[in-house]
C-alpha cells in the first residue's frame, strides 16, 4: 500500500540519486527503503528507478511519476499551511462595535455567513452611539466598528448608503409645497418638528444646521425611531429621517423627498491593532463578498 512516506521517499531518491542517502534523510534503513520502492513499483506496474552499485537514476516513465509526486506533495504542504493559518485565525476574537439597530437588521446575515466559514472565531458585539464607536476605535477598545460617513483615507469596507427624507403627518400641509414635488429644507424650518436622532450625532437637526438654517419649533427630541414615527403619526410634528428606518405601514404618514438629496454612508473601519488581525481580514472578505452597496441597504 502506498502512503505519503512512500511518495516522499521516492522523490528523495530521485533528488539524491541514491537510495541510502534518501533512507538516511527519513531515518530508515537502506533495505527498508529499497523494499518500499519495490512495493511502489509493483503497485504502479512500471519501473521508476534503475539502480546499480553507484547510482540510482529515474526512468522516462518515472520522471513523469516523480513530477506528479512533487506537485502532490507541494499541494499537501499548501493544504497544511491553510489549515495552520485557519487554526491560528480561529483562536481569535473580534470586538465589533456599531449602533444597536445595525446589529439587529444589517449585520446578522453577514455575521451568520462569517460564522459558517469560521465557526471558532468569537465575535463580541458592542452597541453604542456613533460617537462612542469612534472613541472605542481610537482607544483600541474594539477591533472594528461601523462608522458613519467614513473618509476615504480610513479605507472603510462600505456596507451601504441611505438617503434622508421628510416624514410628516398625513394631514399636514407644507407651505409652498406642491403634491408630488420635492420639498426644500427652507420650507420646513418654521414647522413643528420632532428631532429624531437614532442615537447618532448626524440627524435632521444637524442637517438643517449644515444648510445654514435653524429649526424654530422643536416639539420633542427622541433617540428611538419608532417613538419618533408614533409622534409624527399623532400630528406632533415632522422629522427628517433616514429612508431605511421608515415603518412598513405608511398609511398615516406622508414621505417627501428632499429637493437637494442628502445621503449618509456606512462602512466598517478597523482600529490600529484590528488592521493586522487575520480574523478581521477574513471578516472584511466576507463583507466584500456578500454585500453590494445600494441605497437603503443600511440602517441607523
C-alpha atoms as a PDB file:
ATOM      1  CA  UNK A   1       0.000   0.000   0.000  1.00  0.00           C
ATOM      2  CA  UNK A   2       1.346   3.425  -0.974  1.00  0.00           C
ATOM      3  CA  UNK A   3       1.356   6.176   1.637  1.00  0.00           C
ATOM      4  CA  UNK A   4       2.802   9.675   1.883  1.00  0.00           C
ATOM      5  CA  UNK A   5       6.107   8.405   3.265  1.00  0.00           C
ATOM      6  CA  UNK A   6       6.493   6.221   0.184  1.00  0.00           C
ATOM      7  CA  UNK A   7       5.956   9.210  -2.104  1.00  0.00           C
ATOM      8  CA  UNK A   8       8.335  11.391  -0.112  1.00  0.00           C
ATOM      9  CA  UNK A   9      10.950   8.634  -0.202  1.00  0.00           C
ATOM     10  CA  UNK A  10      10.546   8.242  -3.947  1.00  0.00           C
ATOM     11  CA  UNK A  11      11.110  11.989  -4.523  1.00  0.00           C
ATOM     12  CA  UNK A  12      14.093  11.918  -2.129  1.00  0.00           C
ATOM     13  CA  UNK A  13      15.693   9.031  -4.048  1.00  0.00           C
ATOM     14  CA  UNK A  14      15.242  10.922  -7.318  1.00  0.00           C
ATOM     15  CA  UNK A  15      16.863  14.028  -5.800  1.00  0.00           C
ATOM     16  CA  UNK A  16      19.758  12.185  -4.153  1.00  0.00           C
ATOM     17  CA  UNK A  17      20.179   9.620  -6.952  1.00  0.00           C
ATOM     18  CA  UNK A  18      20.973   7.246  -4.121  1.00  0.00           C
ATOM     19  CA  UNK A  19      18.706   5.018  -2.017  1.00  0.00           C
ATOM     20  CA  UNK A  20      20.962   5.020   1.034  1.00  0.00           C
ATOM     21  CA  UNK A  21      21.161   8.809   1.311  1.00  0.00           C
ATOM     22  CA  UNK A  22      17.396   9.116   0.818  1.00  0.00           C
ATOM     23  CA  UNK A  23      16.798   6.483   3.525  1.00  0.00           C
ATOM     24  CA  UNK A  24      19.052   8.356   5.952  1.00  0.00           C
ATOM     25  CA  UNK A  25      17.002  11.537   5.397  1.00  0.00           C
ATOM     26  CA  UNK A  26      13.909   9.812   6.772  1.00  0.00           C
ATOM     27  CA  UNK A  27      15.657   7.669   9.395  1.00  0.00           C
ATOM     28  CA  UNK A  28      15.007   4.290   7.823  1.00  0.00           C
ATOM     29  CA  UNK A  29      17.363   1.536   6.735  1.00  0.00           C
ATOM     30  CA  UNK A  30      18.630   1.137   3.184  1.00  0.00           C
ATOM     31  CA  UNK A  31      16.938  -2.256   2.916  1.00  0.00           C
ATOM     32  CA  UNK A  32      13.648  -0.838   4.181  1.00  0.00           C
ATOM     33  CA  UNK A  33      13.827   1.955   1.612  1.00  0.00           C
ATOM     34  CA  UNK A  34      14.626  -0.442  -1.199  1.00  0.00           C
ATOM     35  CA  UNK A  35      11.712  -2.661  -0.198  1.00  0.00           C
ATOM     36  CA  UNK A  36       9.332   0.326  -0.107  1.00  0.00           C
ATOM     37  CA  UNK A  37      10.402   1.458  -3.582  1.00  0.00           C
ATOM     38  CA  UNK A  38       9.979  -2.064  -4.958  1.00  0.00           C
ATOM     39  CA  UNK A  39       6.478  -2.233  -3.474  1.00  0.00           C
ATOM     40  CA  UNK A  40       5.564   1.065  -5.140  1.00  0.00           C
ATOM     41  CA  UNK A  41       6.944  -0.030  -8.492  1.00  0.00           C
ATOM     42  CA  UNK A  42       4.936  -3.259  -8.206  1.00  0.00           C
ATOM     43  CA  UNK A  43       1.779  -1.295  -7.366  1.00  0.00           C
ATOM     44  CA  UNK A  44       2.334   1.088 -10.301  1.00  0.00           C
ATOM     45  CA  UNK A  45       3.323  -1.723 -12.667  1.00  0.00           C
ATOM     46  CA  UNK A  46       6.346   0.184 -14.004  1.00  0.00           C
ATOM     47  CA  UNK A  47       9.987   0.734 -13.217  1.00  0.00           C
ATOM     48  CA  UNK A  48      10.532   4.153 -11.691  1.00  0.00           C
ATOM     49  CA  UNK A  49      14.264   3.720 -10.991  1.00  0.00           C
ATOM     50  CA  UNK A  50      17.182   1.888 -12.500  1.00  0.00           C
ATOM     51  CA  UNK A  51      19.680   1.001  -9.770  1.00  0.00           C
ATOM     52  CA  UNK A  52      23.317  -0.050  -9.914  1.00  0.00           C
ATOM     53  CA  UNK A  53      26.111  -0.065  -7.344  1.00  0.00           C
ATOM     54  CA  UNK A  54      26.918   3.647  -7.577  1.00  0.00           C
ATOM     55  CA  UNK A  55      23.795   5.499  -8.528  1.00  0.00           C
ATOM     56  CA  UNK A  56      20.068   5.323  -8.949  1.00  0.00           C
ATOM     57  CA  UNK A  57      18.530   7.012 -11.997  1.00  0.00           C
ATOM     58  CA  UNK A  58      14.960   7.757 -12.932  1.00  0.00           C
ATOM     59  CA  UNK A  59      13.346   6.099 -15.954  1.00  0.00           C
ATOM     60  CA  UNK A  60      11.405   8.103 -18.571  1.00  0.00           C
ATOM     61  CA  UNK A  61       8.064   6.991 -17.128  1.00  0.00           C
ATOM     62  CA  UNK A  62       9.477   7.540 -13.639  1.00  0.00           C
ATOM     63  CA  UNK A  63      10.229  11.174 -14.450  1.00  0.00           C
ATOM     64  CA  UNK A  64       6.527  11.764 -15.076  1.00  0.00           C
ATOM     65  CA  UNK A  65       5.599   9.927 -11.890  1.00  0.00           C
ATOM     66  CA  UNK A  66       8.117  11.933  -9.852  1.00  0.00           C
ATOM     67  CA  UNK A  67       6.826  15.182 -11.382  1.00  0.00           C
ATOM     68  CA  UNK A  68       3.283  14.383 -10.305  1.00  0.00           C
ATOM     69  CA  UNK A  69       4.538  13.288  -6.885  1.00  0.00           C
ATOM     70  CA  UNK A  70       6.306  16.629  -6.385  1.00  0.00           C
ATOM     71  CA  UNK A  71       3.135  18.539  -7.245  1.00  0.00           C
ATOM     72  CA  UNK A  72       1.069  16.307  -4.974  1.00  0.00           C
ATOM     73  CA  UNK A  73       3.422  16.860  -2.040  1.00  0.00           C
ATOM     74  CA  UNK A  74       3.519  20.605  -2.744  1.00  0.00           C
ATOM     75  CA  UNK A  75      -0.287  20.713  -2.707  1.00  0.00           C
ATOM     76  CA  UNK A  76      -0.316  18.783   0.559  1.00  0.00           C
ATOM     77  CA  UNK A  77       2.079  21.316   2.074  1.00  0.00           C
ATOM     78  CA  UNK A  78      -0.195  24.136   0.850  1.00  0.00           C
ATOM     79  CA  UNK A  79      -3.202  22.413   2.436  1.00  0.00           C
ATOM     80  CA  UNK A  80      -1.331  22.072   5.715  1.00  0.00           C
ATOM     81  CA  UNK A  81      -0.391  25.767   5.554  1.00  0.00           C
ATOM     82  CA  UNK A  82      -4.035  26.746   5.020  1.00  0.00           C
ATOM     83  CA  UNK A  83      -5.090  24.559   7.948  1.00  0.00           C
ATOM     84  CA  UNK A  84      -2.412  26.056  10.193  1.00  0.00           C
ATOM     85  CA  UNK A  85      -3.473  29.595   9.271  1.00  0.00           C
ATOM     86  CA  UNK A  86      -7.125  28.725   9.850  1.00  0.00           C
ATOM     87  CA  UNK A  87      -6.365  27.281  13.276  1.00  0.00           C
ATOM     88  CA  UNK A  88      -4.462  30.453  14.168  1.00  0.00           C
ATOM     89  CA  UNK A  89      -7.335  32.655  12.991  1.00  0.00           C
ATOM     90  CA  UNK A  90      -9.965  30.528  14.681  1.00  0.00           C
ATOM     91  CA  UNK A  91      -8.413  31.102  18.092  1.00  0.00           C
ATOM     92  CA  UNK A  92      -9.035  34.850  17.809  1.00  0.00           C
ATOM     93  CA  UNK A  93     -11.818  37.106  18.989  1.00  0.00           C
ATOM     94  CA  UNK A  94     -13.283  40.060  17.121  1.00  0.00           C
ATOM     95  CA  UNK A  95     -14.658  43.011  19.071  1.00  0.00           C
ATOM     96  CA  UNK A  96     -17.196  44.588  16.715  1.00  0.00           C
ATOM     97  CA  UNK A  97     -18.962  47.840  17.578  1.00  0.00           C
ATOM     98  CA  UNK A  98     -21.916  49.570  15.957  1.00  0.00           C
ATOM     99  CA  UNK A  99     -25.260  51.249  16.539  1.00  0.00           C
ATOM    100  CA  UNK A 100     -27.790  48.840  18.110  1.00  0.00           C
ATOM    101  CA  UNK A 101     -30.177  48.607  15.153  1.00  0.00           C
ATOM    102  CA  UNK A 102     -27.337  47.790  12.748  1.00  0.00           C
ATOM    103  CA  UNK A 103     -26.782  44.607  14.721  1.00  0.00           C
ATOM    104  CA  UNK A 104     -30.495  43.936  14.603  1.00  0.00           C
ATOM    105  CA  UNK A 105     -31.021  44.396  10.856  1.00  0.00           C
ATOM    106  CA  UNK A 106     -27.870  44.850   8.777  1.00  0.00           C
ATOM    107  CA  UNK A 107     -25.103  42.758  10.351  1.00  0.00           C
ATOM    108  CA  UNK A 108     -26.842  39.445  11.256  1.00  0.00           C
ATOM    109  CA  UNK A 109     -26.679  37.880   7.744  1.00  0.00           C
ATOM    110  CA  UNK A 110     -23.040  38.958   7.416  1.00  0.00           C
ATOM    111  CA  UNK A 111     -22.096  37.519  10.794  1.00  0.00           C
ATOM    112  CA  UNK A 112     -24.014  34.317  10.062  1.00  0.00           C
ATOM    113  CA  UNK A 113     -22.086  33.851   6.811  1.00  0.00           C
ATOM    114  CA  UNK A 114     -18.823  34.545   8.651  1.00  0.00           C
ATOM    115  CA  UNK A 115     -19.665  32.061  11.418  1.00  0.00           C
ATOM    116  CA  UNK A 116     -20.315  29.325   8.856  1.00  0.00           C
ATOM    117  CA  UNK A 117     -16.876  29.919   7.333  1.00  0.00           C
ATOM    118  CA  UNK A 118     -15.031  30.484  10.634  1.00  0.00           C
ATOM    119  CA  UNK A 119     -17.020  28.633  13.305  1.00  0.00           C
ATOM    120  CA  UNK A 120     -14.429  29.031  16.069  1.00  0.00           C
ATOM    121  CA  UNK A 121     -13.933  32.795  15.836  1.00  0.00           C
ATOM    122  CA  UNK A 122     -15.821  34.572  18.609  1.00  0.00           C
ATOM    123  CA  UNK A 123     -17.455  37.864  17.608  1.00  0.00           C
ATOM    124  CA  UNK A 124     -18.131  40.109  20.603  1.00  0.00           C
ATOM    125  CA  UNK A 125     -20.822  42.668  19.732  1.00  0.00           C
ATOM    126  CA  UNK A 126     -20.696  46.080  21.395  1.00  0.00           C
ATOM    127  CA  UNK A 127     -23.580  48.524  20.982  1.00  0.00           C
ATOM    128  CA  UNK A 128     -23.072  52.275  21.224  1.00  0.00           C
ATOM    129  CA  UNK A 129     -23.717  55.621  19.577  1.00  0.00           C
ATOM    130  CA  UNK A 130     -21.708  56.596  16.522  1.00  0.00           C
ATOM    131  CA  UNK A 131     -19.573  58.880  18.702  1.00  0.00           C
ATOM    132  CA  UNK A 132     -18.907  56.046  21.162  1.00  0.00           C
ATOM    133  CA  UNK A 133     -17.887  53.743  18.309  1.00  0.00           C
ATOM    134  CA  UNK A 134     -15.397  56.358  17.109  1.00  0.00           C
ATOM    135  CA  UNK A 135     -13.958  56.695  20.631  1.00  0.00           C
ATOM    136  CA  UNK A 136     -13.658  52.923  21.026  1.00  0.00           C
ATOM    137  CA  UNK A 137     -11.822  52.663  17.695  1.00  0.00           C
ATOM    138  CA  UNK A 138      -9.431  55.474  18.628  1.00  0.00           C
ATOM    139  CA  UNK A 139      -8.648  53.949  22.023  1.00  0.00           C
ATOM    140  CA  UNK A 140      -8.256  50.417  20.686  1.00  0.00           C
ATOM    141  CA  UNK A 141     -11.124  49.139  22.837  1.00  0.00           C
ATOM    142  CA  UNK A 142     -12.637  47.471  19.746  1.00  0.00           C
ATOM    143  CA  UNK A 143     -11.086  45.883  16.673  1.00  0.00           C
ATOM    144  CA  UNK A 144     -13.564  47.051  14.051  1.00  0.00           C
ATOM    145  CA  UNK A 145     -16.587  49.321  14.066  1.00  0.00           C
ATOM    146  CA  UNK A 146     -19.369  50.629  11.845  1.00  0.00           C
ATOM    147  CA  UNK A 147     -18.634  54.287  11.100  1.00  0.00           C
ATOM    148  CA  UNK A 148     -20.960  56.845   9.553  1.00  0.00           C
ATOM    149  CA  UNK A 149     -19.705  58.760   6.507  1.00  0.00           C
ATOM    150  CA  UNK A 150     -16.106  57.455   6.759  1.00  0.00           C
ATOM    151  CA  UNK A 151     -13.476  59.456   4.872  1.00  0.00           C
ATOM    152  CA  UNK A 152     -11.593  57.752   2.023  1.00  0.00           C
ATOM    153  CA  UNK A 153      -8.302  57.651   3.934  1.00  0.00           C
ATOM    154  CA  UNK A 154      -9.868  55.400   6.560  1.00  0.00           C
ATOM    155  CA  UNK A 155     -10.108  52.598   3.974  1.00  0.00           C
ATOM    156  CA  UNK A 156     -13.536  51.510   5.146  1.00  0.00           C
ATOM    157  CA  UNK A 157     -15.246  48.448   3.723  1.00  0.00           C
ATOM    158  CA  UNK A 158     -18.529  50.032   2.718  1.00  0.00           C
ATOM    159  CA  UNK A 159     -21.802  48.482   3.838  1.00  0.00           C
ATOM    160  CA  UNK A 160     -24.180  50.813   2.016  1.00  0.00           C
ATOM    161  CA  UNK A 161     -25.744  54.252   1.878  1.00  0.00           C
ATOM    162  CA  UNK A 162     -29.081  55.697   2.895  1.00  0.00           C
ATOM    163  CA  UNK A 163     -30.952  58.835   1.787  1.00  0.00           C
ATOM    164  CA  UNK A 164     -32.656  61.317   4.111  1.00  0.00           C
ATOM    165  CA  UNK A 165     -36.363  62.045   3.589  1.00  0.00           C
ATOM    166  CA  UNK A 166     -39.017  64.156   5.291  1.00  0.00           C
ATOM    167  CA  UNK A 167     -41.681  62.273   7.260  1.00  0.00           C
ATOM    168  CA  UNK A 168     -44.752  64.331   8.100  1.00  0.00           C
ATOM    169  CA  UNK A 169     -48.292  63.715   9.406  1.00  0.00           C
ATOM    170  CA  UNK A 170     -50.602  62.713   6.585  1.00  0.00           C
ATOM    171  CA  UNK A 171     -52.866  65.733   7.050  1.00  0.00           C
ATOM    172  CA  UNK A 172     -50.157  68.349   7.447  1.00  0.00           C
ATOM    173  CA  UNK A 173     -49.828  70.948   4.711  1.00  0.00           C
ATOM    174  CA  UNK A 174     -46.400  72.406   3.954  1.00  0.00           C
ATOM    175  CA  UNK A 175     -46.367  75.999   2.736  1.00  0.00           C
ATOM    176  CA  UNK A 176     -45.376  76.290  -0.906  1.00  0.00           C
ATOM    177  CA  UNK A 177     -45.207  72.536  -1.436  1.00  0.00           C
ATOM    178  CA  UNK A 178     -46.889  71.042  -4.497  1.00  0.00           C
ATOM    179  CA  UNK A 179     -48.173  67.487  -4.327  1.00  0.00           C
ATOM    180  CA  UNK A 180     -45.683  65.058  -5.836  1.00  0.00           C
ATOM    181  CA  UNK A 181     -42.834  67.574  -5.783  1.00  0.00           C
ATOM    182  CA  UNK A 182     -39.705  67.531  -3.658  1.00  0.00           C
ATOM    183  CA  UNK A 183     -39.505  69.727  -0.591  1.00  0.00           C
ATOM    184  CA  UNK A 184     -36.846  72.313   0.193  1.00  0.00           C
ATOM    185  CA  UNK A 185     -35.453  72.459   3.722  1.00  0.00           C
ATOM    186  CA  UNK A 186     -36.157  76.216   3.759  1.00  0.00           C
ATOM    187  CA  UNK A 187     -39.873  75.430   3.623  1.00  0.00           C
ATOM    188  CA  UNK A 188     -39.947  73.392   6.827  1.00  0.00           C
ATOM    189  CA  UNK A 189     -37.697  75.206   9.338  1.00  0.00           C
ATOM    190  CA  UNK A 190     -40.683  77.023  10.902  1.00  0.00           C
ATOM    191  CA  UNK A 191     -42.894  73.915  11.060  1.00  0.00           C
ATOM    192  CA  UNK A 192     -43.449  71.849  14.266  1.00  0.00           C
ATOM    193  CA  UNK A 193     -40.515  69.488  14.349  1.00  0.00           C
ATOM    194  CA  UNK A 194     -39.606  66.190  16.007  1.00  0.00           C
ATOM    195  CA  UNK A 195     -35.837  65.774  16.255  1.00  0.00           C
ATOM    196  CA  UNK A 196     -35.229  62.036  15.810  1.00  0.00           C
ATOM    197  CA  UNK A 197     -31.569  61.136  16.364  1.00  0.00           C
ATOM    198  CA  UNK A 198     -31.456  57.340  16.326  1.00  0.00           C
ATOM    199  CA  UNK A 199     -28.625  57.711  18.834  1.00  0.00           C
ATOM    200  CA  UNK A 200     -26.390  59.370  16.224  1.00  0.00           C
ATOM    201  CA  UNK A 201     -24.771  62.788  16.100  1.00  0.00           C
ATOM    202  CA  UNK A 202     -25.917  63.217  12.485  1.00  0.00           C
ATOM    203  CA  UNK A 203     -29.695  63.708  12.324  1.00  0.00           C
ATOM    204  CA  UNK A 204     -32.364  66.045  10.970  1.00  0.00           C
ATOM    205  CA  UNK A 205     -31.434  68.999  13.129  1.00  0.00           C
ATOM    206  CA  UNK A 206     -27.745  68.804  12.213  1.00  0.00           C
ATOM    207  CA  UNK A 207     -28.645  68.575   8.512  1.00  0.00           C
ATOM    208  CA  UNK A 208     -30.680  71.764   8.848  1.00  0.00           C
ATOM    209  CA  UNK A 209     -27.773  73.444  10.674  1.00  0.00           C
ATOM    210  CA  UNK A 210     -25.355  72.365   7.947  1.00  0.00           C
ATOM    211  CA  UNK A 211     -27.619  74.147   5.465  1.00  0.00           C
ATOM    212  CA  UNK A 212     -27.136  77.356   7.493  1.00  0.00           C
ATOM    213  CA  UNK A 213     -30.689  77.233   8.882  1.00  0.00           C
ATOM    214  CA  UNK A 214     -32.318  76.814  12.292  1.00  0.00           C
ATOM    215  CA  UNK A 215     -35.415  74.957  13.419  1.00  0.00           C
ATOM    216  CA  UNK A 216     -37.705  77.369  15.256  1.00  0.00           C
ATOM    217  CA  UNK A 217     -40.335  74.990  16.662  1.00  0.00           C
ATOM    218  CA  UNK A 218     -38.789  71.796  18.110  1.00  0.00           C
ATOM    219  CA  UNK A 219     -41.561  69.932  19.928  1.00  0.00           C
ATOM    220  CA  UNK A 220     -39.509  66.967  21.165  1.00  0.00           C
ATOM    221  CA  UNK A 221     -36.151  65.202  20.771  1.00  0.00           C
ATOM    222  CA  UNK A 222     -36.130  61.384  20.786  1.00  0.00           C
ATOM    223  CA  UNK A 223     -33.459  58.778  20.072  1.00  0.00           C
ATOM    224  CA  UNK A 224     -35.787  55.900  19.154  1.00  0.00           C
ATOM    225  CA  UNK A 225     -37.120  55.797  15.592  1.00  0.00           C
ATOM    226  CA  UNK A 226     -40.383  54.025  16.480  1.00  0.00           C
ATOM    227  CA  UNK A 227     -41.157  56.700  19.078  1.00  0.00           C
ATOM    228  CA  UNK A 228     -40.476  59.400  16.513  1.00  0.00           C
ATOM    229  CA  UNK A 229     -42.875  57.864  13.980  1.00  0.00           C
ATOM    230  CA  UNK A 230     -45.560  57.448  16.627  1.00  0.00           C
ATOM    231  CA  UNK A 231     -45.292  61.167  17.422  1.00  0.00           C
ATOM    232  CA  UNK A 232     -45.371  62.109  13.737  1.00  0.00           C
ATOM    233  CA  UNK A 233     -48.457  59.931  13.123  1.00  0.00           C
ATOM    234  CA  UNK A 234     -50.110  61.624  16.109  1.00  0.00           C
ATOM    235  CA  UNK A 235     -49.626  65.005  14.420  1.00  0.00           C
ATOM    236  CA  UNK A 236     -46.982  66.302  16.835  1.00  0.00           C
ATOM    237  CA  UNK A 237     -44.602  67.392  14.093  1.00  0.00           C
ATOM    238  CA  UNK A 238     -42.455  66.325  11.159  1.00  0.00           C
ATOM    239  CA  UNK A 239     -38.914  64.939  11.033  1.00  0.00           C
ATOM    240  CA  UNK A 240     -36.041  64.402   8.621  1.00  0.00           C
ATOM    241  CA  UNK A 241     -35.257  60.684   8.833  1.00  0.00           C
ATOM    242  CA  UNK A 242     -33.197  58.014   7.039  1.00  0.00           C
ATOM    243  CA  UNK A 243     -35.338  56.209   4.460  1.00  0.00           C
ATOM    244  CA  UNK A 244     -34.228  52.785   5.719  1.00  0.00           C
ATOM    245  CA  UNK A 245     -35.811  53.439   9.131  1.00  0.00           C
ATOM    246  CA  UNK A 246     -39.303  54.107   7.748  1.00  0.00           C
ATOM    247  CA  UNK A 247     -42.003  51.832   9.188  1.00  0.00           C
ATOM    248  CA  UNK A 248     -43.613  49.204   6.990  1.00  0.00           C
ATOM    249  CA  UNK A 249     -47.065  50.789   7.292  1.00  0.00           C
ATOM    250  CA  UNK A 250     -47.003  54.327   5.868  1.00  0.00           C
ATOM    251  CA  UNK A 251     -50.792  54.796   5.813  1.00  0.00           C
ATOM    252  CA  UNK A 252     -50.665  57.626   8.356  1.00  0.00           C
ATOM    253  CA  UNK A 253     -47.521  59.312   7.057  1.00  0.00           C
ATOM    254  CA  UNK A 254     -46.527  61.332   4.028  1.00  0.00           C
ATOM    255  CA  UNK A 255     -42.954  60.791   2.890  1.00  0.00           C
ATOM    256  CA  UNK A 256     -41.382  63.593   0.856  1.00  0.00           C
ATOM    257  CA  UNK A 257     -38.069  63.608  -0.997  1.00  0.00           C
ATOM    258  CA  UNK A 258     -35.678  66.466  -0.284  1.00  0.00           C
ATOM    259  CA  UNK A 259     -35.092  68.899  -3.143  1.00  0.00           C
ATOM    260  CA  UNK A 260     -31.357  68.534  -2.618  1.00  0.00           C
ATOM    261  CA  UNK A 261     -30.770  64.830  -1.837  1.00  0.00           C
ATOM    262  CA  UNK A 262     -28.554  64.062   1.138  1.00  0.00           C
ATOM    263  CA  UNK A 263     -27.094  60.647   1.864  1.00  0.00           C
ATOM    264  CA  UNK A 264     -25.333  59.005   4.767  1.00  0.00           C
ATOM    265  CA  UNK A 265     -22.933  56.125   4.198  1.00  0.00           C
ATOM    266  CA  UNK A 266     -21.811  53.297   6.447  1.00  0.00           C
ATOM    267  CA  UNK A 267     -18.552  51.387   6.484  1.00  0.00           C
ATOM    268  CA  UNK A 268     -16.521  49.023   8.629  1.00  0.00           C
ATOM    269  CA  UNK A 269     -13.317  50.644   9.882  1.00  0.00           C
ATOM    270  CA  UNK A 270     -10.500  48.831  11.676  1.00  0.00           C
ATOM    271  CA  UNK A 271      -8.713  50.109  14.742  1.00  0.00           C
ATOM    272  CA  UNK A 272      -4.922  50.216  14.589  1.00  0.00           C
ATOM    273  CA  UNK A 273      -4.471  46.750  16.061  1.00  0.00           C
ATOM    274  CA  UNK A 274      -7.519  45.346  14.257  1.00  0.00           C
ATOM    275  CA  UNK A 275      -5.990  46.079  10.856  1.00  0.00           C
ATOM    276  CA  UNK A 276      -3.341  43.366  11.323  1.00  0.00           C
ATOM    277  CA  UNK A 277      -5.709  40.643  12.542  1.00  0.00           C
ATOM    278  CA  UNK A 278      -6.125  37.581  10.323  1.00  0.00           C
ATOM    279  CA  UNK A 279      -9.641  37.001  11.658  1.00  0.00           C
ATOM    280  CA  UNK A 280     -10.715  40.574  10.893  1.00  0.00           C
ATOM    281  CA  UNK A 281      -9.306  40.408   7.380  1.00  0.00           C
ATOM    282  CA  UNK A 282     -11.402  37.266   6.932  1.00  0.00           C
ATOM    283  CA  UNK A 283     -14.488  39.114   8.213  1.00  0.00           C
ATOM    284  CA  UNK A 284     -13.905  42.001   5.802  1.00  0.00           C
ATOM    285  CA  UNK A 285     -13.520  39.490   2.959  1.00  0.00           C
ATOM    286  CA  UNK A 286     -16.922  38.049   3.838  1.00  0.00           C
ATOM    287  CA  UNK A 287     -18.435  41.548   3.873  1.00  0.00           C
ATOM    288  CA  UNK A 288     -16.939  42.341   0.473  1.00  0.00           C
ATOM    289  CA  UNK A 289     -18.184  39.056  -0.975  1.00  0.00           C
ATOM    290  CA  UNK A 290     -21.747  39.232   0.338  1.00  0.00           C
ATOM    291  CA  UNK A 291     -22.708  42.898   0.171  1.00  0.00           C
ATOM    292  CA  UNK A 292     -23.439  45.117  -2.808  1.00  0.00           C
ATOM    293  CA  UNK A 293     -23.539  48.813  -1.977  1.00  0.00           C
ATOM    294  CA  UNK A 294     -27.056  50.073  -2.643  1.00  0.00           C
ATOM    295  CA  UNK A 295     -29.439  52.719  -1.399  1.00  0.00           C
ATOM    296  CA  UNK A 296     -31.387  51.790   1.699  1.00  0.00           C
ATOM    297  CA  UNK A 297     -29.117  48.796   2.440  1.00  0.00           C
ATOM    298  CA  UNK A 298     -28.057  50.259   5.758  1.00  0.00           C
ATOM    299  CA  UNK A 299     -29.897  51.263   8.910  1.00  0.00           C
ATOM    300  CA  UNK A 300     -29.084  53.556  11.800  1.00  0.00           C
END
